[in-house]
Protein backbone atom coordinates (compact mmCIF):
# COMPACT_ATOMS: atom_id res chain seq x y z
CA MET A 1 77.44 114.38 116.01
CA LYS A 2 78.18 113.74 119.63
CA ASN A 3 80.45 110.81 120.45
CA THR A 4 78.26 108.62 122.70
CA MET A 5 80.58 105.63 123.00
CA SER A 6 82.20 104.82 126.33
CA GLN A 7 85.83 105.66 126.92
CA THR A 8 86.90 102.12 126.12
CA GLY A 9 85.16 102.25 122.77
CA LYS A 10 83.99 98.65 123.31
CA ILE A 11 80.37 97.79 122.79
CA THR A 12 79.15 96.39 126.10
CA VAL A 13 75.63 95.57 125.03
CA SER A 14 74.89 92.65 122.74
CA LEU A 15 73.74 93.26 119.19
CA LEU A 16 69.95 93.66 119.02
CA LEU A 17 68.37 92.49 115.78
CA LEU A 18 64.76 93.69 115.26
CA LEU A 19 62.46 93.03 112.32
CA LEU A 20 60.13 96.00 112.04
CA VAL A 21 57.05 96.25 109.81
CA ALA A 22 56.17 99.65 108.36
CA CYS A 23 52.73 101.19 108.74
CA SER A 24 52.78 102.86 105.37
CA PRO A 25 55.39 103.62 102.71
CA ASP A 26 56.46 107.16 101.88
CA PRO A 27 55.25 107.87 98.34
CA GLN A 28 58.01 110.44 97.86
CA SER A 29 60.81 107.94 98.43
CA VAL A 30 61.98 104.48 97.46
CA SER A 31 59.23 103.17 99.71
CA ALA A 32 56.80 104.02 96.94
CA VAL A 33 58.13 101.01 95.04
CA GLY A 34 58.50 98.65 97.96
CA GLY A 35 60.97 100.43 100.18
CA ALA A 36 64.54 99.60 101.04
CA ASP A 37 65.55 95.96 101.41
CA LEU A 38 67.71 96.60 104.49
CA ILE A 39 68.11 99.52 106.88
CA LEU A 40 70.81 99.63 109.55
CA ILE A 41 70.03 102.14 112.30
CA ASN A 42 71.63 103.45 115.51
CA GLY A 43 75.12 102.51 114.39
CA ARG A 44 78.49 104.20 114.45
CA VAL A 45 79.00 104.56 110.71
CA TYR A 46 82.41 105.60 109.39
CA THR A 47 81.90 106.26 105.68
CA LEU A 48 85.56 107.10 104.82
CA ASN A 49 83.97 109.75 102.60
CA TRP A 50 86.54 112.32 103.65
CA ASP A 51 89.99 113.17 102.33
CA GLU A 52 92.78 110.70 102.92
CA PRO A 53 95.28 111.32 105.72
CA SER A 54 98.57 112.96 104.83
CA PRO A 55 101.61 110.73 104.16
CA ASP A 56 102.73 111.21 107.78
CA GLY A 57 99.37 109.92 109.01
CA THR A 58 97.81 113.24 110.01
CA ALA A 59 94.03 113.18 109.59
CA SER A 60 92.57 115.44 106.90
CA ASP A 61 90.81 118.69 107.84
CA ASN A 62 87.40 117.27 106.90
CA ALA A 63 87.82 113.98 108.76
CA PRO A 64 85.33 113.35 111.62
CA ILE A 65 87.78 114.05 114.42
CA ASN A 66 87.97 116.84 116.98
CA ASP A 67 89.77 117.66 120.21
CA THR A 68 88.12 114.72 121.97
CA GLY A 69 88.89 112.20 119.22
CA TRP A 70 87.16 110.39 116.37
CA TYR A 71 83.41 110.25 115.99
CA PRO A 72 81.20 108.53 113.36
CA ASP A 73 79.97 110.66 110.46
CA ALA A 74 76.65 108.80 110.08
CA GLU A 75 74.42 106.47 112.08
CA ALA A 76 72.30 104.69 109.48
CA VAL A 77 72.58 103.05 106.06
CA ALA A 78 69.79 101.89 103.75
CA THR A 79 70.24 99.49 100.83
CA LYS A 80 68.12 98.28 97.95
CA GLY A 81 69.21 95.58 95.56
CA ASP A 82 73.00 95.69 95.47
CA GLU A 83 73.35 99.44 96.13
CA ILE A 84 73.41 101.87 99.01
CA ILE A 85 70.44 104.24 98.71
CA PHE A 86 70.88 106.34 101.86
CA VAL A 87 73.56 107.28 104.39
CA GLY A 88 72.80 109.57 107.32
CA GLY A 89 70.64 109.72 110.44
CA THR A 90 68.30 107.07 111.78
CA THR A 91 65.10 109.14 111.50
CA ASP A 92 65.74 109.96 107.84
CA ALA A 93 66.78 106.36 107.08
CA LEU A 94 63.44 105.06 108.32
CA GLU A 95 61.71 107.14 105.65
CA PHE A 96 62.89 104.40 103.26
CA ARG A 97 61.08 101.66 105.15
CA GLY A 98 58.56 99.57 103.25
CA GLU A 99 56.41 96.57 104.05
CA ALA A 100 59.18 94.08 103.30
CA THR A 101 62.08 96.15 104.67
CA ARG A 102 64.27 94.59 107.31
CA VAL A 103 65.41 97.11 109.90
CA VAL A 104 68.37 96.19 112.09
CA ASP A 105 69.01 98.15 115.27
CA LEU A 106 72.79 98.03 115.63
CA ALA A 107 72.69 99.33 119.21
CA GLY A 108 75.91 101.28 118.73
CA ALA A 109 77.88 98.75 116.69
CA THR A 110 80.40 100.09 114.16
CA VAL A 111 79.86 100.01 110.39
CA ILE A 112 82.72 100.47 107.91
CA PRO A 113 83.05 99.86 104.17
CA GLY A 114 83.26 96.13 103.44
CA LEU A 115 86.63 94.61 104.31
CA VAL A 116 88.88 93.33 101.53
CA ASP A 117 91.79 90.93 101.99
CA SER A 118 93.89 91.92 98.98
CA HIS A 119 96.36 89.02 99.06
CA THR A 120 94.94 85.70 100.13
CA HIS A 121 95.07 82.02 99.38
CA VAL A 122 91.50 81.16 100.24
CA TYR A 123 91.72 77.90 98.33
CA GLY A 124 94.70 77.04 100.54
CA LEU A 125 92.73 78.12 103.59
CA GLY A 126 89.98 75.72 102.62
CA ALA A 127 92.56 72.98 102.05
CA ARG A 128 94.07 73.63 105.48
CA LEU A 129 90.69 73.53 107.16
CA ASP A 130 90.11 70.25 105.32
CA SER A 131 93.43 68.72 106.48
CA ILE A 132 95.60 68.47 109.60
CA ASP A 133 96.08 71.98 110.99
CA LEU A 134 99.71 72.43 112.01
CA THR A 135 99.61 76.13 112.84
CA GLU A 136 99.65 75.51 116.60
CA ALA A 137 102.43 72.92 116.41
CA GLU A 138 105.49 74.41 118.10
CA SER A 139 107.85 71.53 117.37
CA GLU A 140 108.46 68.55 115.13
CA GLU A 141 107.19 66.28 117.89
CA ASP A 142 103.90 68.21 118.15
CA ALA A 143 103.31 67.91 114.41
CA VAL A 144 104.19 64.21 114.28
CA ALA A 145 101.76 63.51 117.14
CA LEU A 146 98.94 65.04 115.08
CA VAL A 147 99.89 62.87 112.13
CA ALA A 148 100.00 59.74 114.27
CA GLU A 149 96.47 60.48 115.47
CA ARG A 150 95.19 60.92 111.90
CA VAL A 151 96.93 57.77 110.67
CA ARG A 152 94.97 55.63 113.14
CA SER A 153 91.79 56.35 111.14
CA THR A 154 93.38 56.38 107.66
CA PRO A 155 93.60 53.25 105.46
CA PRO A 156 97.15 52.11 104.56
CA GLY A 157 98.42 53.65 101.34
CA GLU A 158 96.15 56.70 101.53
CA TRP A 159 97.86 60.10 101.66
CA VAL A 160 97.84 62.08 104.89
CA ILE A 161 98.01 65.87 104.41
CA GLY A 162 98.98 68.49 106.97
CA ARG A 163 99.51 72.22 106.50
CA GLY A 164 100.73 75.19 108.48
CA TRP A 165 104.06 74.49 110.24
CA ASP A 166 106.16 77.65 110.38
CA GLU A 167 109.20 77.40 108.11
CA GLY A 168 110.48 80.75 109.35
CA ALA A 169 110.36 80.00 113.07
CA TRP A 170 111.70 76.46 112.49
CA ALA A 171 114.50 77.49 110.12
CA ASP A 172 117.30 76.61 112.54
CA ARG A 173 115.73 73.28 113.55
CA TYR A 174 114.18 71.93 110.38
CA PRO A 175 112.63 68.46 110.71
CA ASP A 176 113.45 65.41 108.62
CA LYS A 177 111.66 62.19 107.68
CA ALA A 178 112.74 60.03 110.62
CA LEU A 179 109.98 60.62 113.19
CA LEU A 180 107.38 61.11 110.49
CA SER A 181 108.26 57.76 108.90
CA GLN A 182 108.01 56.00 112.25
CA ALA A 183 104.58 57.51 112.91
CA ALA A 184 103.26 56.70 109.42
CA PRO A 185 105.18 53.79 107.88
CA ASP A 186 102.34 52.78 105.55
CA ASN A 187 100.91 56.18 104.53
CA PRO A 188 102.59 58.81 102.37
CA VAL A 189 102.59 62.05 104.37
CA PHE A 190 102.86 65.60 103.01
CA MET A 191 103.35 68.44 105.48
CA GLY A 192 103.05 71.82 103.76
CA SER A 193 104.57 74.83 105.52
CA LEU A 194 102.83 77.99 106.66
CA HIS A 195 103.91 80.18 103.74
CA GLY A 196 104.36 77.42 101.17
CA PHE A 197 108.15 77.65 100.89
CA ALA A 198 108.92 74.31 102.53
CA ALA A 199 107.60 70.76 102.29
CA TRP A 200 108.24 67.96 104.76
CA VAL A 201 107.49 64.34 103.87
CA ASN A 202 108.10 60.80 105.11
CA GLN A 203 109.82 57.90 103.38
CA ALA A 204 106.54 56.51 102.06
CA ALA A 205 105.95 59.79 100.21
CA LEU A 206 109.46 59.73 98.75
CA ASP A 207 108.86 56.15 97.61
CA ALA A 208 105.47 57.03 96.12
CA GLY A 209 107.07 59.77 94.05
CA GLY A 210 110.20 57.83 93.18
CA ILE A 211 112.34 60.60 94.64
CA THR A 212 115.96 59.62 95.24
CA THR A 213 119.35 61.29 95.33
CA GLU A 214 119.37 61.12 91.54
CA THR A 215 116.12 63.08 91.14
CA GLU A 216 116.66 66.45 89.45
CA VAL A 217 116.05 69.41 91.75
CA PRO A 218 114.49 72.53 90.15
CA VAL A 219 116.71 75.58 89.89
CA GLY A 220 116.14 77.73 92.96
CA GLY A 221 115.22 74.76 95.14
CA GLU A 222 116.96 72.67 97.76
CA MET A 223 116.43 69.00 98.55
CA ARG A 224 118.05 68.32 101.90
CA LEU A 225 120.10 65.12 102.23
CA GLY A 226 120.69 63.02 105.33
CA ASP A 227 123.96 61.60 106.64
CA ASP A 228 123.39 58.59 104.39
CA GLY A 229 123.30 60.80 101.31
CA GLU A 230 119.63 60.11 100.68
CA PRO A 231 116.79 62.68 100.67
CA ASN A 232 115.95 63.46 104.30
CA GLY A 233 112.36 64.51 103.60
CA LEU A 234 112.78 68.32 103.62
CA PHE A 235 112.36 70.40 100.46
CA LEU A 236 112.83 74.19 100.34
CA ASN A 237 111.78 76.99 98.02
CA ARG A 238 111.32 75.79 94.41
CA ALA A 239 112.04 72.20 95.43
CA THR A 240 108.57 72.10 97.00
CA THR A 241 107.21 71.57 93.47
CA MET A 242 108.83 68.12 93.52
CA ILE A 243 106.37 67.16 96.25
CA ASN A 244 103.40 69.12 94.99
CA ASN A 245 103.68 67.20 91.73
CA ILE A 246 103.44 63.76 93.38
CA VAL A 247 100.55 64.41 95.77
CA PRO A 248 97.42 63.08 94.03
CA PRO A 249 95.31 65.95 92.64
CA PRO A 250 92.07 66.57 94.51
CA SER A 251 88.79 65.72 92.83
CA LEU A 252 86.55 68.47 91.48
CA GLU A 253 84.19 67.88 94.40
CA THR A 254 87.06 68.34 96.86
CA ARG A 255 88.17 71.52 95.11
CA LEU A 256 84.67 72.96 95.16
CA ASN A 257 84.39 72.10 98.84
CA ARG A 258 87.70 73.80 99.65
CA TRP A 259 86.55 76.99 97.96
CA VAL A 260 83.21 77.00 99.73
CA ILE A 261 84.81 76.32 103.13
CA GLY A 262 87.44 79.03 102.64
CA LEU A 263 85.14 81.71 101.23
CA GLN A 264 82.50 81.15 103.87
CA GLN A 265 85.16 81.46 106.55
CA MET A 266 86.24 84.79 105.08
CA ALA A 267 82.59 85.96 105.06
CA GLU A 268 82.26 85.01 108.73
CA ASP A 269 85.38 87.05 109.42
CA GLY A 270 83.96 90.20 107.88
CA TYR A 271 85.41 90.18 104.37
CA VAL A 272 83.25 91.13 101.41
CA ALA A 273 85.99 90.43 98.86
CA VAL A 274 89.35 88.71 98.47
CA HIS A 275 92.17 88.97 95.95
CA GLU A 276 93.17 85.36 95.37
CA ALA A 277 96.91 85.34 94.71
CA GLY A 278 98.18 82.69 92.32
CA LEU A 279 95.33 80.74 90.71
CA GLY A 280 96.30 77.58 88.82
CA THR A 281 94.20 75.63 86.35
CA GLU A 282 92.59 73.22 88.82
CA ALA A 283 91.65 75.86 91.39
CA MET A 284 90.42 78.22 88.67
CA GLU A 285 88.21 75.54 87.11
CA ALA A 286 86.40 75.02 90.42
CA LEU A 287 86.13 78.75 91.10
CA GLU A 288 84.58 79.41 87.72
CA GLN A 289 82.05 76.64 88.28
CA LEU A 290 81.01 78.19 91.59
CA GLU A 291 80.49 81.52 89.86
CA VAL A 292 78.30 79.92 87.17
CA GLU A 293 76.27 78.18 89.86
CA GLY A 294 75.88 81.42 91.83
CA ARG A 295 77.58 79.93 94.88
CA LEU A 296 80.23 82.58 95.61
CA PRO A 297 79.30 84.18 98.95
CA ILE A 298 81.80 87.03 98.57
CA ARG A 299 83.57 88.72 95.67
CA VAL A 300 86.77 87.19 94.25
CA TYR A 301 89.39 89.21 92.36
CA GLY A 302 91.41 86.56 90.57
CA MET A 303 95.18 86.70 90.16
CA LEU A 304 96.35 84.00 87.74
CA SER A 305 99.60 82.18 88.46
CA LEU A 306 102.34 83.10 85.97
CA ARG A 307 103.80 79.64 86.65
CA ASP A 308 100.79 78.01 84.96
CA GLU A 309 101.70 78.90 81.38
CA VAL A 310 98.86 76.85 79.88
CA LEU A 311 96.33 78.87 81.89
CA ILE A 312 98.11 82.14 81.10
CA ARG A 313 98.04 81.39 77.36
CA LYS A 314 94.31 80.70 77.58
CA TRP A 315 93.73 84.10 79.17
CA LEU A 316 96.08 85.91 76.81
CA GLU A 317 93.77 84.83 73.98
CA LYS A 318 90.72 86.50 75.54
CA GLY A 319 92.34 89.24 77.61
CA PRO A 320 91.61 90.44 81.15
CA ASP A 321 88.05 90.81 82.41
CA THR A 322 86.75 94.31 81.76
CA ASP A 323 83.72 94.17 84.05
CA ASN A 324 83.98 95.02 87.71
CA ASP A 325 80.69 93.92 89.20
CA SER A 326 80.78 90.15 88.60
CA MET A 327 81.36 88.03 91.68
CA LEU A 328 84.52 86.71 89.97
CA VAL A 329 86.72 89.19 88.11
CA THR A 330 90.04 88.07 86.60
CA ARG A 331 92.37 90.83 85.45
CA ALA A 332 95.62 90.25 87.35
CA VAL A 333 98.57 87.86 87.22
CA LYS A 334 100.63 86.79 90.22
CA ALA A 335 104.34 86.19 89.61
CA TYR A 336 106.92 84.77 92.01
CA TYR A 337 110.28 86.49 91.80
CA ASP A 338 112.13 85.28 94.91
CA GLY A 339 111.63 83.06 97.96
CA ALA A 340 110.73 83.74 101.58
CA LEU A 341 112.82 85.45 104.22
CA GLY A 342 112.15 82.78 106.83
CA SER A 343 113.57 79.97 104.70
CA ARG A 344 116.38 82.28 103.51
CA GLY A 345 115.08 82.12 99.96
CA ALA A 346 114.43 85.87 99.61
CA ARG A 347 117.04 87.39 97.31
CA MET A 348 119.34 89.81 99.14
CA LEU A 349 121.83 92.36 97.84
CA TYR A 350 124.35 91.15 100.38
CA ASP A 351 124.84 87.95 102.35
CA TYR A 352 122.33 86.91 104.98
CA SER A 353 123.61 88.12 108.33
CA ASP A 354 123.05 84.69 109.85
CA MET A 355 124.31 82.71 106.82
CA PRO A 356 127.48 84.16 105.27
CA GLY A 357 127.91 83.32 101.60
CA HIS A 358 124.17 82.93 100.97
CA ARG A 359 121.93 85.51 99.28
CA GLY A 360 118.79 83.56 98.39
CA VAL A 361 117.28 82.89 94.96
CA SER A 362 115.40 84.94 92.37
CA GLY A 363 114.45 85.41 88.75
CA ASP A 364 115.27 82.54 86.42
CA GLY A 365 116.67 80.76 89.44
CA TYR A 366 113.22 80.78 90.96
CA GLY A 367 111.17 79.95 87.89
CA PHE A 368 110.27 83.55 86.99
CA ASN A 369 109.44 83.83 83.27
CA GLN A 370 110.39 87.40 82.45
CA ALA A 371 109.30 87.25 78.81
CA LEU A 372 105.86 85.89 79.72
CA ASN A 373 105.54 88.52 82.44
CA ALA A 374 106.15 91.27 79.88
CA GLU A 375 103.66 89.66 77.52
CA VAL A 376 100.82 89.68 80.06
CA MET A 377 101.60 93.29 81.00
CA LYS A 378 101.35 94.36 77.36
CA ALA A 379 98.08 92.43 77.05
CA GLY A 380 96.57 94.72 79.68
CA PHE A 381 96.83 92.57 82.79
CA GLN A 382 97.79 93.94 86.16
CA VAL A 383 100.93 92.16 87.39
CA ALA A 384 101.53 91.43 91.06
CA ILE A 385 105.13 90.33 91.65
CA HIS A 386 106.05 88.48 94.83
CA ALA A 387 109.28 90.13 96.01
CA ILE A 388 110.64 89.91 99.54
CA GLY A 389 114.41 90.51 99.62
CA ASP A 390 116.02 93.88 98.88
CA ALA A 391 117.62 92.47 95.72
CA GLY A 392 114.33 90.79 94.78
CA ASN A 393 112.47 94.09 95.13
CA ARG A 394 115.11 96.07 93.24
CA GLU A 395 115.19 93.60 90.37
CA SER A 396 111.38 93.45 90.23
CA LEU A 397 111.20 97.24 89.99
CA ASP A 398 113.83 97.14 87.23
CA ILE A 399 111.75 94.59 85.32
CA LEU A 400 108.57 96.65 85.61
CA GLU A 401 110.36 99.87 84.66
CA ALA A 402 111.86 98.25 81.56
CA VAL A 403 108.41 97.20 80.33
CA PHE A 404 107.07 100.71 81.03
CA GLU A 405 109.83 102.18 78.85
CA ASP A 406 109.12 99.67 76.08
CA ASP A 407 105.33 100.17 76.24
CA PRO A 408 104.29 103.29 78.20
CA SER A 409 100.62 102.22 78.23
CA THR A 410 101.49 99.44 80.67
CA ARG A 411 102.10 102.02 83.41
CA ASN A 412 98.37 102.49 83.79
CA ASN A 413 97.55 99.04 85.15
CA ARG A 414 98.38 99.62 88.83
CA HIS A 415 101.02 96.94 89.07
CA ARG A 416 101.85 95.65 92.51
CA ILE A 417 104.74 94.31 94.53
CA GLU A 418 103.38 91.61 96.81
CA HIS A 419 104.98 91.78 100.28
CA ALA A 420 107.61 94.46 99.45
CA GLN A 421 109.16 93.16 102.61
CA VAL A 422 112.81 94.27 102.70
CA ILE A 423 113.63 97.25 100.48
CA HIS A 424 116.91 99.14 100.16
CA PRO A 425 116.46 102.82 101.12
CA ASP A 426 117.44 103.86 97.59
CA ASP A 427 114.55 101.84 96.17
CA ILE A 428 111.74 102.90 98.51
CA PRO A 429 111.01 106.13 96.53
CA ARG A 430 110.90 104.18 93.28
CA LEU A 431 107.54 102.59 94.04
CA GLY A 432 105.86 105.97 94.21
CA GLN A 433 107.74 107.26 91.18
CA LEU A 434 106.69 104.25 89.10
CA GLY A 435 103.13 104.15 90.41
CA ILE A 436 103.59 100.73 92.01
CA ILE A 437 101.30 99.57 94.82
CA ALA A 438 102.97 97.94 97.82
CA SER A 439 100.73 95.03 98.84
CA MET A 440 101.74 94.26 102.43
CA GLU A 441 100.76 92.21 105.48
CA PRO A 442 100.88 93.96 108.87
CA PRO A 443 100.79 90.58 110.69
CA HIS A 444 103.97 89.48 108.87
CA ALA A 445 105.98 92.11 110.69
CA MET A 446 104.70 90.92 114.05
CA GLU A 447 105.25 87.25 113.26
CA ASP A 448 108.71 87.73 111.74
CA LYS A 449 110.15 90.21 114.24
CA THR A 450 111.65 87.52 116.50
CA TRP A 451 114.05 86.35 113.77
CA ALA A 452 113.94 88.90 110.91
CA GLY A 453 116.64 91.06 112.46
CA GLU A 454 118.96 88.07 112.66
CA ARG A 455 118.42 87.34 108.96
CA VAL A 456 119.22 90.80 107.65
CA GLY A 457 121.05 92.64 110.44
CA PRO A 458 120.40 96.01 112.13
CA GLU A 459 120.89 98.21 109.06
CA ARG A 460 118.72 96.41 106.54
CA ILE A 461 115.89 95.79 109.00
CA VAL A 462 115.17 99.55 108.95
CA GLY A 463 113.92 99.14 105.37
CA ALA A 464 111.79 96.13 106.26
CA TYR A 465 107.99 96.18 106.70
CA ALA A 466 108.37 99.93 106.16
CA TRP A 467 104.76 101.04 105.67
CA ARG A 468 105.28 104.65 106.76
CA SER A 469 108.43 105.11 104.70
CA LEU A 470 106.62 103.87 101.61
CA ARG A 471 103.65 106.18 102.20
CA GLU A 472 105.92 109.17 102.75
CA THR A 473 107.61 108.61 99.39
CA GLY A 474 104.33 108.33 97.50
CA ALA A 475 103.71 104.61 97.15
CA GLY A 476 100.18 103.29 97.25
CA LEU A 477 99.46 100.69 99.91
CA THR A 478 97.01 97.87 100.35
CA PHE A 479 96.91 95.64 103.44
CA ASN A 480 96.16 91.94 103.59
CA SER A 481 96.96 88.71 105.42
CA ASP A 482 98.53 86.25 102.95
CA ASN A 483 96.35 83.64 104.61
CA PRO A 484 96.62 80.83 105.52
CA GLY A 485 100.23 81.84 106.07
CA SER A 486 99.09 84.43 108.60
CA ASP A 487 96.00 84.85 110.72
CA HIS A 488 93.52 86.86 108.63
CA ASN A 489 91.58 88.11 111.67
CA ILE A 490 90.97 91.78 110.83
CA PHE A 491 91.34 92.92 114.44
CA TYR A 492 94.80 91.34 114.56
CA GLY A 493 95.66 92.96 111.23
CA MET A 494 94.52 96.44 112.24
CA HIS A 495 96.15 96.14 115.68
CA SER A 496 99.44 95.13 114.03
CA ALA A 497 99.30 98.12 111.69
CA ILE A 498 98.38 100.63 114.40
CA THR A 499 100.63 99.45 117.24
CA ARG A 500 103.43 97.36 115.65
CA GLN A 501 102.82 94.95 118.56
CA ASP A 502 101.97 91.25 118.52
CA LYS A 503 99.01 89.57 120.19
CA ASN A 504 100.92 89.57 123.49
CA LEU A 505 101.35 93.36 123.17
CA GLN A 506 105.08 93.04 122.60
CA PRO A 507 107.36 94.84 122.28
CA GLU A 508 106.41 97.73 124.51
CA GLY A 509 105.96 100.83 122.39
CA GLY A 510 105.97 98.81 119.17
CA TRP A 511 108.59 97.25 116.88
CA TYR A 512 110.23 100.10 114.93
CA PRO A 513 107.29 102.30 115.94
CA GLU A 514 108.15 105.01 113.43
CA GLN A 515 106.46 102.77 110.85
CA LYS A 516 103.07 102.67 112.64
CA MET A 517 99.87 103.48 110.81
CA SER A 518 97.05 105.70 112.06
CA SER A 519 93.60 104.17 112.57
CA ASP A 520 92.40 105.97 109.42
CA GLU A 521 95.24 104.43 107.39
CA ALA A 522 94.78 100.98 108.90
CA VAL A 523 91.07 100.87 108.04
CA ARG A 524 91.70 102.26 104.55
CA GLY A 525 94.39 99.63 103.99
CA TYR A 526 91.70 96.96 104.16
CA THR A 527 88.93 98.95 102.43
CA SER A 528 89.33 101.96 100.13
CA TRP A 529 93.00 101.35 99.31
CA SER A 530 92.25 97.72 98.52
CA ALA A 531 89.37 98.89 96.31
CA HIS A 532 91.83 101.06 94.38
CA ALA A 533 94.22 98.12 94.00
CA SER A 534 91.47 96.27 92.11
CA PHE A 535 90.23 99.26 90.05
CA ARG A 536 87.03 99.52 92.11
CA GLU A 537 87.47 102.83 93.92
CA ASP A 538 84.48 104.34 92.08
CA VAL A 539 82.01 101.67 93.24
CA THR A 540 83.19 100.52 96.67
CA GLY A 541 85.57 101.33 99.52
CA ILE A 542 83.41 104.23 100.72
CA ILE A 543 79.90 104.18 102.20
CA GLU A 544 78.03 106.51 99.86
CA THR A 545 74.72 106.57 97.98
CA GLY A 546 75.00 104.74 94.66
CA ARG A 547 77.92 102.56 95.67
CA TRP A 548 77.87 98.81 96.23
CA ALA A 549 76.06 97.67 99.34
CA ASP A 550 79.18 95.96 100.72
CA LEU A 551 79.45 96.58 104.47
CA THR A 552 81.11 95.16 107.55
CA VAL A 553 79.62 95.51 111.04
CA MET A 554 81.78 94.99 114.14
CA ASP A 555 81.37 95.39 117.90
CA VAL A 556 84.39 97.64 118.46
CA ASP A 557 85.27 101.08 117.15
CA PRO A 558 88.89 100.89 115.89
CA PHE A 559 89.05 104.66 115.40
CA VAL A 560 88.29 105.41 119.06
CA LEU A 561 90.21 102.47 120.49
CA ALA A 562 93.39 103.30 118.58
CA ASP A 563 93.64 106.49 120.64
CA GLU A 564 92.34 105.12 123.94
CA ILE A 565 93.02 101.40 124.48
CA PRO A 566 94.52 99.91 121.27
CA SER A 567 94.82 96.44 122.80
CA ASP A 568 91.02 96.21 122.98
CA ILE A 569 90.92 96.11 119.19
CA LEU A 570 92.11 92.49 119.51
CA ASN A 571 88.87 91.63 121.33
CA GLY A 572 86.67 92.70 118.44
CA ARG A 573 84.08 90.49 116.79
CA ILE A 574 82.40 90.63 113.40
CA LEU A 575 78.64 90.97 113.77
CA MET A 576 77.47 91.14 110.18
CA THR A 577 78.90 90.91 106.67
CA ILE A 578 76.84 92.33 103.78
CA VAL A 579 77.75 91.71 100.13
CA ALA A 580 75.77 93.28 97.29
CA GLY A 581 72.98 93.94 99.75
CA HIS A 582 72.81 90.32 100.96
CA VAL A 583 73.60 89.44 104.56
CA VAL A 584 76.11 86.62 104.04
CA PHE A 585 77.02 86.34 107.72
CA GLU A 586 75.25 87.36 110.89
CA ARG A 587 76.28 86.61 114.47
């Protein structure tokens, strides 16, 4: 098929949506029983139905690429019910048209398998959208100003919640309670950090929770003290639970609303499915109710929180879900092994380069229940262990390997290391050898690059965010955003993976460019590889007849742009999101 897109690869005409009525159905096709429900025509369809690229990123021999670059391998898709019934040319696709068929002329827009964010906190995204958004706050003063504005319309005594200040970027200038207490003397204030490893509160919140110098701090946590010896309002790593436990729990209505807000936002941003990382009892209760009521707009792959032992025991009694096609499938458990690199909680083999004598926290010191983790693995659950530091990753691999030796059947459950952020060179091959999937966030590398090198030094940084090194040694990958900790915009994610540059196109040539991904790998990281990470590679991740009708339509071609003008990927927009044959978002 001839590549008809312009050299920039950017769609310059707006999406044209046409509802066409058929003259007569074809009795030899699906149209004999009503026709297709939806037909997409005149698109640039990349099915991914070709062999995967080699570990060094070289495209396979049967990939749709030639001397002039990538080209789509189809131009039309037809769906009926929740399945794809045709993939190919426009003329042939229209043979499936019936009286009630909707035909959409894509006018050259790009279609790929439905996007999957394989490590998200959509409930947290909904909570952030429902509270003060601190992600744009560059300083303590900026954040406090937002709180002061909210307090003016909040009754005294009512909690004020903010989320999203960056504990990594602020690590050398952490705030305390002083300004926050002045701005909100009569309202308890909780300010959750971007990645959830820090909490910042005012004096009214400390008073509401009865937190004093004498309050016991969880192992693996830090409660900062002021010059007066009293809590200064900053809590790090496991100490954040001290604050989480005193903030009044949201009502069921609020929890339902947070889910709906978050999931709909993900649908609008092109995602057909999410892997929700770390579900507790309250969030799970609301999620299950939405499933019963048929209100889930996109698919949810649930990862239960190992920290919620009551919930884990409930699921151990009934075992992991065995179906794949429900809108909510729960067959994984998320475990936290160490803290974050930004807050210096990630467990390192040697001292932090910018904090001699400190190596972070992990294991029992971070609330990791090793016995319970082994129990859920032997019960057939997939385990996804949060591990960021090189010691945290090594110890997590040791833990998984020990269970494999004790019960070889547990090797088959596609266990994952979430983040796999800093790995010692000796341990990188182990993921492939053990069959472990590295679940990683391309945006993390771009957001952390300004300070990550200072944390770990020039030698260890080579094993950080090392996507290519992991692929070359046989590890499986899946890409995601860890939202709301990072921007889940797919064009930002793919651009980060392909260029190793931030949104300002820095640094020139890319940050440790030897770790870049090809466009094929970047797209697969959010589609077919993510399908494999949730045991769904036989039903989704590829556009093929008989598979789920889960599709994402966008106005840029990432395959072409990656070779021509990669920065233009950042300008992309989602035009349509289709889940189980239903259009859940349309621009």
